[in-house]
């Protein structure tokens, strides 16, 4: 009788290509290609057994290089030689930050799987990579804050494993002039005055002084649009936060674990406008990001955010990951990322996209549809679980190589030059050629 196959170390990410991410975390850019020992003995081609499992138009699109490439000719003249994929420029600017690539580290929230060592490892490697990092909501109300001057007491020790420690780990490796930290805030975070705490903390001064601190207003998320954050807590910890959150025993009747539910927050277009203006007035040196769920009026909401002064709007597709969510929401609620991008159109402002990002093709398609950068969430956690020292670095290096290969294949050498003309939809109607021109309150364009 065969022994059962041991479970892999680190987080399990159902419905996510974890094995492929782990492979990239181990082998880096070598994992972009087929196994080297298959060369000379194997013929490769498209595999019809690998169709998109998700009904996301982003997966159905194909990238379609043209025959005639005037921008390649321009590059040839500029370089005085034939250009190759190494000549694609990936350095980017989005959300008020410079970045080594059109990539950022997405928020992990307060879920246990992202706490402690994995969150710290991801922060260190994001800093080394020179890409922005978002620190998720609900950490402070659940774990406490503490301060960099050591006045946080017992709560401060917990926070050292969470928010402040991640900030310090990031600062320890990020090069000058690139990257930035974005601190997310939910309704309960607002009650705990998280932004005020961070803004006045001596540990955040290097970010504030160099213009690399942003606050993100979380309107919603992809994995459970319309709901607030959820985590599972033991009784003692649940009792401690019951004054701030709704806590119930619906998932473990009579057991030791309770469900902690954040409020989803209440937003109208006017409430969103006022909150962004409040952020602008109260924190004039801080960039403003807004995270939207995959709602049917996502295009209208994005426009309200930009018109009110947001530096970046993140759209989290329904494929987005989560530490905990009802299964009905994971499978049946919210728009796929591709449809979100279609409804937003191609804005002149900074649009960021997240939701099952881990490799180059999905990232390039999102960039061609108008995004300025893509966020890595589950992929980053899986990668650092595979290798806490270099897993995320190798994953991003592999992603960067694929970006260069794919962008150069369509005859372009800057990711900002990608456009809907680089995509083909089987239905022929999924690519936005023009941005919606009007704000349609409460409805899709």
Protein backbone atom coordinates (compact mmCIF):
# COMPACT_ATOMS: atom_id res chain seq x y z
CA UNK A 1 0.00 0.00 0.00
CA UNK A 2 1.41 3.33 -1.02
CA UNK A 3 1.99 6.02 1.59
CA UNK A 4 -0.12 9.17 1.14
CA UNK A 5 1.62 12.03 -0.63
CA UNK A 6 2.73 14.58 1.99
CA UNK A 7 1.08 17.98 1.78
CA UNK A 8 3.38 20.79 0.60
CA UNK A 9 4.74 23.14 3.24
CA UNK A 10 3.16 26.56 3.56
CA UNK A 11 -0.25 27.89 2.54
CA UNK A 12 -2.72 25.88 0.48
CA UNK A 13 -4.34 27.96 -2.28
CA UNK A 14 -7.27 26.05 -3.74
CA UNK A 15 -8.13 26.88 -7.35
CA UNK A 16 -4.76 28.56 -7.77
CA UNK A 17 -1.79 27.11 -9.70
CA UNK A 18 0.32 26.74 -6.57
CA UNK A 19 2.58 24.04 -8.00
CA UNK A 20 3.56 26.30 -10.90
CA UNK A 21 4.20 29.21 -8.53
CA UNK A 22 6.33 27.00 -6.28
CA UNK A 23 8.28 25.89 -9.34
CA UNK A 24 9.07 29.51 -10.20
CA UNK A 25 9.99 30.25 -6.60
CA UNK A 26 12.57 27.44 -6.80
CA UNK A 27 13.89 27.75 -10.36
CA UNK A 28 13.19 31.41 -11.25
CA UNK A 29 13.48 32.34 -14.93
CA UNK A 30 14.33 28.74 -15.91
CA UNK A 31 10.71 27.84 -15.09
CA UNK A 32 9.46 30.10 -17.90
CA UNK A 33 10.54 27.41 -20.36
CA UNK A 34 9.81 23.66 -20.71
CA UNK A 35 12.10 21.23 -18.83
CA UNK A 36 15.58 21.53 -20.32
CA UNK A 37 16.05 17.77 -20.52
CA UNK A 38 13.07 17.62 -22.94
CA UNK A 39 14.97 19.64 -25.56
CA UNK A 40 15.79 17.60 -28.63
CA UNK A 41 13.36 14.81 -27.79
CA UNK A 42 9.98 16.50 -27.36
CA UNK A 43 7.76 18.50 -29.72
CA UNK A 44 5.78 21.29 -28.02
CA UNK A 45 2.58 23.04 -29.05
CA UNK A 46 -0.66 24.47 -27.71
CA UNK A 47 -2.42 22.10 -25.33
CA UNK A 48 -6.23 22.04 -25.73
CA UNK A 49 -6.41 20.36 -22.33
CA UNK A 50 -5.33 23.68 -20.78
CA UNK A 51 -8.40 25.87 -21.40
CA UNK A 52 -9.24 28.65 -18.97
CA UNK A 53 -11.14 27.23 -16.02
CA UNK A 54 -12.57 30.61 -15.12
CA UNK A 55 -15.06 32.43 -17.32
CA UNK A 56 -12.87 35.51 -17.24
CA UNK A 57 -12.55 37.23 -20.62
CA UNK A 58 -8.96 38.01 -19.65
CA UNK A 59 -8.17 34.29 -19.92
CA UNK A 60 -10.00 33.94 -23.24
CA UNK A 61 -8.02 36.74 -24.91
CA UNK A 62 -4.98 35.86 -26.98
CA UNK A 63 -2.06 38.19 -27.55
CA UNK A 64 -1.70 38.78 -31.29
CA UNK A 65 1.58 40.19 -32.65
CA UNK A 66 1.20 42.13 -35.89
CA UNK A 67 3.21 41.43 -39.04
CA UNK A 68 4.20 45.06 -39.55
CA UNK A 69 5.86 46.67 -36.53
CA UNK A 70 6.62 50.38 -36.93
CA UNK A 71 7.55 50.75 -33.23
CA UNK A 72 10.17 48.02 -33.65
CA UNK A 73 11.59 50.04 -36.54
CA UNK A 74 11.70 53.13 -34.31
CA UNK A 75 13.56 51.12 -31.67
CA UNK A 76 15.96 49.76 -34.29
CA UNK A 77 16.79 53.30 -35.38
CA UNK A 78 17.19 54.41 -31.78
CA UNK A 79 19.53 51.53 -30.88
CA UNK A 80 21.30 51.31 -34.26
CA UNK A 81 20.77 47.54 -34.12
CA UNK A 82 17.96 45.00 -34.15
CA UNK A 83 16.05 45.22 -30.86
CA UNK A 84 15.46 42.11 -28.72
CA UNK A 85 13.31 41.38 -25.70
CA UNK A 86 16.06 42.53 -23.34
CA UNK A 87 15.40 46.06 -24.63
CA UNK A 88 11.87 46.23 -23.16
CA UNK A 89 11.77 48.83 -20.38
CA UNK A 90 9.88 47.63 -17.30
CA UNK A 91 10.54 50.47 -14.85
CA UNK A 92 7.19 52.07 -14.13
CA UNK A 93 5.49 54.86 -12.24
CA UNK A 94 2.06 54.36 -10.69
CA UNK A 95 0.12 55.52 -7.67
CA UNK A 96 2.69 58.23 -7.00
CA UNK A 97 5.62 55.78 -6.76
CA UNK A 98 8.45 54.66 -9.01
CA UNK A 99 8.75 50.90 -9.35
CA UNK A 100 11.29 48.52 -10.83
CA UNK A 101 8.45 46.75 -12.68
CA UNK A 102 4.69 47.21 -13.26
CA UNK A 103 4.06 45.00 -10.21
CA UNK A 104 3.18 45.56 -6.55
CA UNK A 105 2.67 43.34 -3.52
CA UNK A 106 -1.04 43.12 -2.71
CA UNK A 107 -2.52 43.33 0.78
CA UNK A 108 -2.72 40.14 2.83
CA UNK A 109 -5.04 41.45 5.58
CA UNK A 110 -5.08 40.11 9.11
CA UNK A 111 -5.58 36.44 8.22
CA UNK A 112 -3.35 34.11 10.24
CA UNK A 113 -1.69 32.60 7.18
CA UNK A 114 -0.14 35.98 6.28
CA UNK A 115 0.96 36.85 9.77
CA UNK A 116 4.38 36.31 11.23
CA UNK A 117 7.19 34.93 9.15
CA UNK A 118 5.51 34.75 5.73
CA UNK A 119 4.39 38.36 5.84
CA UNK A 120 7.85 39.47 6.92
CA UNK A 121 9.56 37.42 4.21
CA UNK A 122 7.28 38.91 1.55
CA UNK A 123 7.98 42.43 2.83
CA UNK A 124 11.76 41.95 2.78
CA UNK A 125 11.73 40.59 -0.75
CA UNK A 126 9.31 43.27 -2.05
CA UNK A 127 11.74 45.86 -0.71
CA UNK A 128 14.71 44.21 -2.41
CA UNK A 129 12.74 44.11 -5.66
CA UNK A 130 11.95 47.84 -5.47
CA UNK A 131 8.20 47.32 -5.94
CA UNK A 132 5.45 48.97 -3.82
CA UNK A 133 3.86 46.98 -0.99
CA UNK A 134 0.31 47.23 0.36
CA UNK A 135 -0.19 46.35 4.05
CA UNK A 136 -3.70 45.04 4.63
CA UNK A 137 -6.55 46.14 6.85
CA UNK A 138 -7.77 44.96 10.25
CA UNK A 139 -4.28 44.25 11.60
CA UNK A 140 -4.27 46.96 14.24
CA UNK A 141 -7.77 46.39 15.71
CA UNK A 142 -7.04 42.65 15.98
CA UNK A 143 -3.35 42.60 16.93
CA UNK A 144 -2.78 46.06 18.36
CA UNK A 145 -0.30 48.60 17.06
CA UNK A 146 2.65 49.52 19.24
CA UNK A 147 5.00 52.25 18.21
CA UNK A 148 8.48 52.37 16.84
CA UNK A 149 9.55 54.27 19.96
CA UNK A 150 8.71 51.20 22.06
CA UNK A 151 5.65 52.55 23.85
CA UNK A 152 3.27 49.89 22.57
CA UNK A 153 3.53 47.48 25.52
CA UNK A 154 2.08 44.00 25.03
CA UNK A 155 0.14 45.03 21.95
CA UNK A 156 3.32 46.46 20.55
CA UNK A 157 5.00 43.06 20.72
CA UNK A 158 2.19 41.54 18.65
CA UNK A 159 2.36 44.38 16.19
CA UNK A 160 6.07 43.79 15.76
CA UNK A 161 5.02 40.54 14.12
CA UNK A 162 2.57 42.33 11.89
CA UNK A 163 2.28 45.92 10.68
CA UNK A 164 5.38 47.65 12.03
CA UNK A 165 7.63 44.67 11.50
CA UNK A 166 6.56 44.43 7.88
CA UNK A 167 7.24 48.13 7.39
CA UNK A 168 10.71 47.81 8.92
CA UNK A 169 11.48 44.67 6.91
CA UNK A 170 10.56 46.48 3.70
CA UNK A 171 12.62 49.56 4.55
CA UNK A 172 15.62 47.37 5.31
CA UNK A 173 16.00 46.35 1.67
CA UNK A 174 14.30 48.84 -0.63
CA UNK A 175 16.69 50.88 -2.83
CA UNK A 176 16.54 54.67 -2.81
CA UNK A 177 14.09 56.28 -5.20
CA UNK A 178 11.79 53.33 -5.85
CA UNK A 179 8.99 51.50 -4.12
CA UNK A 180 6.63 52.66 -1.39
CA UNK A 181 4.34 51.37 1.34
CA UNK A 182 0.55 51.62 1.15
CA UNK A 183 -1.37 51.18 4.43
CA UNK A 184 -4.91 49.99 3.89
CA UNK A 185 -7.80 51.01 6.13
CA UNK A 186 -11.24 49.49 6.73
CA UNK A 187 -14.11 50.87 8.79
CA UNK A 188 -12.71 49.33 11.97
CA UNK A 189 -9.23 50.60 11.12
CA UNK A 190 -10.71 54.09 10.87
CA UNK A 191 -12.16 53.70 14.38
CA UNK A 192 -8.68 52.69 15.56
CA UNK A 193 -7.16 55.71 13.76
CA UNK A 194 -4.61 53.54 11.97
CA UNK A 195 -3.60 56.20 9.50
CA UNK A 196 -2.99 58.73 12.29
CA UNK A 197 -0.85 56.17 14.14
CA UNK A 198 1.26 55.40 11.07
CA UNK A 199 1.52 59.03 10.00
CA UNK A 200 2.94 60.07 13.39
CA UNK A 201 5.16 57.02 13.93
CA UNK A 202 8.94 57.68 13.78
CA UNK A 203 9.33 54.38 11.91
CA UNK A 204 7.30 55.71 9.01
CA UNK A 205 9.30 58.95 8.73
CA UNK A 206 11.73 57.61 6.06
CA UNK A 207 8.75 56.81 3.85
CA UNK A 208 6.95 60.07 4.53
CA UNK A 209 10.06 62.18 4.00
CA UNK A 210 10.78 60.57 0.62
CA UNK A 211 7.20 60.64 -0.65
CA UNK A 212 6.84 56.86 -0.45
CA UNK A 213 3.89 56.52 1.92
CA UNK A 214 0.30 56.03 0.75
CA UNK A 215 -2.99 55.26 2.45
CA UNK A 216 -5.54 53.04 0.74
CA UNK A 217 -9.26 53.33 1.34
CA UNK A 218 -10.67 49.83 1.04
CA UNK A 219 -14.15 50.03 -0.48
CA UNK A 220 -14.27 46.27 -1.06
CA UNK A 221 -12.39 43.23 -2.31
CA UNK A 222 -12.67 40.64 -5.04
CA UNK A 223 -13.14 37.45 -3.04
CA UNK A 224 -16.25 38.65 -1.22
CA UNK A 225 -17.70 41.83 -2.75
CA UNK A 226 -20.36 43.36 -0.57
CA UNK A 227 -18.95 41.81 2.61
CA UNK A 228 -16.27 42.98 4.99
CA UNK A 229 -13.17 41.09 6.03
CA UNK A 230 -13.56 37.76 7.84
CA UNK A 231 -11.19 35.76 9.97
CA UNK A 232 -11.49 32.80 12.31
CA UNK A 233 -10.41 33.45 15.90
CA UNK A 234 -10.14 31.39 19.08
CA UNK A 235 -12.61 32.34 21.82
CA UNK A 236 -10.15 34.37 23.88
CA UNK A 237 -9.03 36.53 20.97
CA UNK A 238 -12.58 36.87 19.65
CA UNK A 239 -13.73 38.09 23.07
CA UNK A 240 -11.01 40.72 23.05
CA UNK A 241 -12.18 42.24 19.73
CA UNK A 242 -15.94 41.70 20.17
CA UNK A 243 -16.43 45.37 20.98
CA UNK A 244 -15.11 46.34 17.56
CA UNK A 245 -16.35 43.50 15.35
CA UNK A 246 -19.35 41.24 14.92
CA UNK A 247 -18.38 37.82 16.29
CA UNK A 248 -20.53 34.70 15.94
CA UNK A 249 -20.33 30.92 16.25
CA UNK A 250 -21.98 30.04 12.96
CA UNK A 251 -19.08 28.03 11.59
CA UNK A 252 -18.10 25.98 14.65
CA UNK A 253 -21.19 25.52 16.86
CA UNK A 254 -20.06 24.59 20.34
CA UNK A 255 -16.44 24.58 19.22
CA UNK A 256 -13.44 26.70 20.01
CA UNK A 257 -13.48 28.94 16.98
CA UNK A 258 -15.57 31.99 16.19
CA UNK A 259 -16.11 34.00 13.02
CA UNK A 260 -14.96 37.61 13.19
CA UNK A 261 -16.73 39.85 10.67
CA UNK A 262 -15.79 43.38 9.67
CA UNK A 263 -18.52 45.69 8.49
CA UNK A 264 -18.42 46.19 4.71
CA UNK A 265 -18.72 49.95 5.10
CA UNK A 266 -21.37 52.12 3.44
CA UNK A 267 -20.52 53.99 0.28
CA UNK A 268 -22.33 56.24 -2.13
CA UNK A 269 -20.62 58.38 -4.74
CA UNK A 270 -20.80 61.38 -2.37
CA UNK A 271 -19.45 59.42 0.61
CA UNK A 272 -16.51 58.22 -1.50
CA UNK A 273 -15.80 61.77 -2.69
CA UNK A 274 -15.85 63.14 0.84
CA UNK A 275 -13.60 60.40 2.23
CA UNK A 276 -10.97 60.96 -0.45
CA UNK A 277 -11.07 64.71 0.09
CA UNK A 278 -10.72 64.13 3.82
CA UNK A 279 -7.63 62.00 3.20
CA UNK A 280 -6.20 64.73 0.96
CA UNK A 281 -6.81 67.42 3.56
CA UNK A 282 -5.60 65.46 6.60
CA UNK A 283 -2.54 63.84 5.03
CA UNK A 284 -1.30 66.17 2.27
CA UNK A 285 2.13 64.44 2.03
CA UNK A 286 0.62 60.99 1.61
CA UNK A 287 -0.55 59.41 -1.66
CA UNK A 288 -4.17 58.23 -1.85
CA UNK A 289 -5.13 54.80 -3.19
CA UNK A 290 -8.64 53.35 -3.41
CA UNK A 291 -9.44 49.63 -3.66
CA UNK A 292 -12.69 48.70 -5.39
CA UNK A 293 -14.57 45.39 -5.42
CA UNK A 294 -15.70 43.83 -8.73
CA UNK A 295 -19.11 45.51 -8.61
CA UNK A 296 -21.38 46.16 -11.57
CA UNK A 297 -20.79 49.94 -11.32
CA UNK A 298 -17.01 49.62 -10.93
CA UNK A 299 -16.42 51.99 -13.87
CA UNK A 300 -18.49 54.76 -12.30
CA UNK A 301 -16.85 54.24 -8.90
CA UNK A 302 -13.36 54.46 -10.40
CA UNK A 303 -14.21 57.74 -12.07
CA UNK A 304 -15.54 59.22 -8.82
CA UNK A 305 -12.29 58.23 -7.10
CA UNK A 306 -10.06 59.80 -9.72
CA UNK A 307 -12.17 62.96 -9.98
CA UNK A 308 -11.85 63.33 -6.21
CA UNK A 309 -8.07 63.14 -6.28
CA UNK A 310 -7.10 59.47 -5.87
CA UNK A 311 -3.56 58.75 -7.07
CA UNK A 312 -4.47 55.15 -7.94
CA UNK A 313 -7.53 52.94 -8.10
CA UNK A 314 -7.13 49.20 -7.63
CA UNK A 315 -9.75 46.92 -9.15
CA UNK A 316 -9.78 43.51 -7.49
CA UNK A 317 -11.45 40.96 -9.78
CA UNK A 318 -13.66 38.18 -8.48
CA UNK A 319 -10.67 35.83 -8.89
CA UNK A 320 -8.95 37.66 -6.03
CA UNK A 321 -7.65 35.60 -3.14
CA UNK A 322 -8.72 35.70 0.49
CA UNK A 323 -7.81 34.12 3.79
CA UNK A 324 -11.48 33.34 4.44
CA UNK A 325 -14.75 33.79 2.52
CA UNK A 326 -18.08 32.00 2.06
CA UNK A 327 -17.83 29.51 -0.82
CA UNK A 328 -20.92 31.02 -2.48
CA UNK A 329 -19.02 34.27 -2.87
CA UNK A 330 -15.87 32.62 -4.19
CA UNK A 331 -17.74 30.85 -6.98
CA UNK A 332 -20.70 33.06 -7.82
CA UNK A 333 -20.37 36.71 -6.78
CA UNK A 334 -18.63 39.58 -8.52
CA UNK A 335 -17.38 40.41 -12.01
CA UNK A 336 -14.30 38.69 -13.45
CA UNK A 337 -11.29 40.97 -13.70
CA UNK A 338 -11.47 41.20 -17.50
CA UNK A 339 -15.04 42.47 -17.36
CA UNK A 340 -14.08 44.96 -14.63
CA UNK A 341 -11.36 46.36 -16.88
CA UNK A 342 -13.77 46.54 -19.81
CA UNK A 343 -16.24 48.56 -17.71
CA UNK A 344 -13.54 50.94 -16.46
CA UNK A 345 -12.17 51.46 -19.97
CA UNK A 346 -8.70 52.83 -20.65
CA UNK A 347 -8.33 55.73 -18.20
CA UNK A 348 -5.75 58.47 -18.25
CA UNK A 349 -5.33 57.89 -14.52
CA UNK A 350 -3.54 55.08 -12.67
CA UNK A 351 -5.57 51.88 -12.73
CA UNK A 352 -4.17 48.85 -10.91
CA UNK A 353 -5.44 45.28 -11.36
CA UNK A 354 -5.36 42.26 -9.09
CA UNK A 355 -6.93 38.82 -9.11
CA UNK A 356 -5.12 35.52 -9.80
CA UNK A 357 -1.94 37.22 -11.04
CA UNK A 358 1.24 35.18 -11.07
CA UNK A 359 2.62 34.91 -14.63
CA UNK A 360 3.20 37.12 -17.64
CA UNK A 361 0.27 36.50 -19.98
CA UNK A 362 -2.49 37.51 -17.59
CA UNK A 363 -0.43 40.54 -16.51
CA UNK A 364 0.22 41.69 -20.10
CA UNK A 365 -3.47 41.34 -21.01
CA UNK A 366 -4.44 43.48 -17.99
CA UNK A 367 -1.84 46.08 -18.97
CA UNK A 368 -3.14 46.08 -22.55
CA UNK A 369 -6.64 46.74 -21.22
CA UNK A 370 -5.51 49.86 -19.37
CA UNK A 371 -3.94 48.79 -16.07
CA UNK A 372 -0.63 50.45 -15.12
CA UNK A 373 0.44 47.62 -12.81
CA UNK A 374 -0.72 44.28 -11.41
CA UNK A 375 -0.78 43.01 -7.82
CA UNK A 376 0.60 39.72 -6.50
CA UNK A 377 -1.26 38.29 -3.50
CA UNK A 378 -1.61 34.52 -3.19
CA UNK A 379 1.29 33.98 -5.57
CA UNK A 380 3.57 36.01 -3.31
CA UNK A 381 2.58 34.03 -0.20
CA UNK A 382 3.06 30.69 -1.95
CA UNK A 383 6.44 31.82 -3.28
CA UNK A 384 7.80 32.95 0.09
CA UNK A 385 6.49 29.75 1.69
CA UNK A 386 8.51 27.81 -0.86
CA UNK A 387 11.63 29.87 -0.26
CA UNK A 388 11.56 32.54 2.49
CA UNK A 389 14.81 34.10 1.27
CA UNK A 390 14.36 34.32 -2.50
CA UNK A 391 11.01 32.80 -3.55
CA UNK A 392 9.22 36.07 -4.33
CA UNK A 393 12.33 37.52 -5.98
CA UNK A 394 12.54 34.54 -8.34
CA UNK A 395 8.80 34.62 -9.04
CA UNK A 396 8.98 38.29 -10.03
CA UNK A 397 12.12 37.70 -12.09
CA UNK A 398 10.28 35.00 -14.04
CA UNK A 399 7.28 37.32 -14.45
CA UNK A 400 9.57 40.11 -15.64
CA UNK A 401 11.19 37.87 -18.24
CA UNK A 402 7.78 36.84 -19.59
CA UNK A 403 6.69 40.49 -19.70
CA UNK A 404 9.73 41.36 -21.80
CA UNK A 405 9.19 38.40 -24.14
CA UNK A 406 5.49 39.13 -24.64
CA UNK A 407 5.77 42.92 -24.98
CA UNK A 408 8.59 42.64 -27.52
CA UNK A 409 6.59 40.03 -29.45
CA UNK A 410 3.94 42.65 -30.28
CA UNK A 411 6.69 45.01 -31.46
CA UNK A 412 6.70 47.33 -28.46
CA UNK A 413 9.38 48.15 -25.87
CA UNK A 414 7.49 49.93 -23.09
CA UNK A 415 4.60 48.36 -21.17
CA UNK A 416 2.75 51.67 -21.41
CA UNK A 417 2.53 51.25 -25.18
CA UNK A 418 0.42 48.09 -24.89
CA UNK A 419 -3.16 48.52 -26.06
CA UNK A 420 -6.34 46.66 -26.99
CA UNK A 421 -5.02 46.22 -30.52
CA UNK A 422 -2.61 43.65 -29.05
CA UNK A 423 -5.48 41.37 -27.98
CA UNK A 424 -7.92 39.13 -29.83
CA UNK A 425 -11.17 37.96 -28.32
CA UNK A 426 -12.86 34.79 -29.64
CA UNK A 427 -16.16 36.66 -29.45
CA UNK A 428 -14.69 39.69 -31.14
CA UNK A 429 -16.48 42.06 -28.78
CA UNK A 430 -14.63 41.95 -25.50
CA UNK A 431 -11.86 44.47 -26.10
CA UNK A 432 -12.57 48.10 -25.20
CA UNK A 433 -11.44 50.33 -28.05
CA UNK A 434 -12.51 53.56 -26.39
CA UNK A 435 -12.95 54.54 -22.78
CA UNK A 436 -16.50 55.21 -21.59
CA UNK A 437 -17.10 58.92 -21.91
CA UNK A 438 -19.78 59.50 -19.30
CA UNK A 439 -20.15 58.84 -15.64
CA UNK A 440 -23.22 56.67 -15.22
CA UNK A 441 -24.27 56.75 -11.56
CA UNK A 442 -25.23 53.32 -10.32
CA UNK A 443 -24.80 51.55 -13.64
CA UNK A 444 -22.30 49.97 -15.96
CA UNK A 445 -21.17 51.82 -19.07
